[in-house]
Amino acid sequence: MDRRAQGLLLLVLAVLAALVVPNLGARSVPGLPRAAAIPGPPNTGDCLLDPLQSSFEPSTGRRIWTGTPRYAPCAGDRVGEVVLVEPDVDRRPRTRSLAYRPSDTCTAAAAAFIGLPPDLAGRDRVFGTWFPAVSAPTVRLAPDVVQWAGGQRWAACVVLTPGTAGSTVYPTSLRGTFEAGLLPQAFGTCWDTTDPVYSTTIDCGTAHAAEGFGFADDLTGTTQEALDTSCRRLVDVLTAMPDATAGGTLSVGAAVVPDEGEGGNGFALCRVAAPADRTLTGTLLGLGTGEIPWE
């Protein structure tokens, strides 16, 4: 090979080296790096779309919530509904549970969402004696780990159906269902018999003998007559029926269970009971002028 050919070959090799060697490592990508988008907080009215998991921790008396909450506006299936988004005052990351402790503002917002009367929206006694048996169960969910790392500090108050612990999907909104007399059966507290001691709680959508509307654990200074009177007032509010006795067919009053121990005064249940020869197959909550759900 003559010198001119050798020179040309060396020139070609030099050009190839200039093109190849810089690309032997990581290849550069045009443009500027961007962080992945972090979902923002949910909005009031959004749906919780995916079931959560929860377990009770006996050592602390707390319920531990796990899962990956996903929120979005929806018109169909949902696990829960966001009724309030509060600023986070705890300011501690959720390491074991997705949920914060309950708050009175969350409880009140959930009760208002389903349409409970304002005086029954909290967890306090009503009419001096009774804790209402109906409530709107809630969970206050925190930002997930990524949202927390991104600086988000909020708590989403989510209303669920009772007894489901965030694991059951339901097809339509709970908004205003109490006022409309359309509360799901799960909101009721129903018993298989009228015996206040030996009765078993059952689904209000099945045949049952009685439904509870309140619980009283301090009977100091009360009488049966006073308990019956305040119980009837509570039932009137919670059923919205023009006549909670349905023309005398249903029995409305307080069932008192004495304390057989020392120093106690027992407890009382405010209930509506069907006659011995009939049963009910639906809750009376918010029934209004609707038909009595006889079997």
Foldseek 3Di string as FASTA:
>chain_A
DDPVVVVVVVVVVVVVCVVPVVVPDPDDDDDDDDDDDDDDDADAFKFFAAFWDWDADVVVRDIAIDDDTDIDHDFWKGFWGFQDKFFAPVLDDDDTHQFDDDDQVLQLSQCVQLPAPNVLSGQDAPPVFWGWLFGFDWTWGFDDPVVVVVPGGMTTIITGQPPCNRGDMDTHDSGNCLQVVNRAQSRWWFWAAPPPPPTDTDRLQAWHFKTFTTKGFDCPPHDQVSQFVSLVVSQCRFLVAPDSCVVVQKDWGKDFDQDPDPPGGGMITTMIGGDPVWTARGDSGSCNHHDGRTD
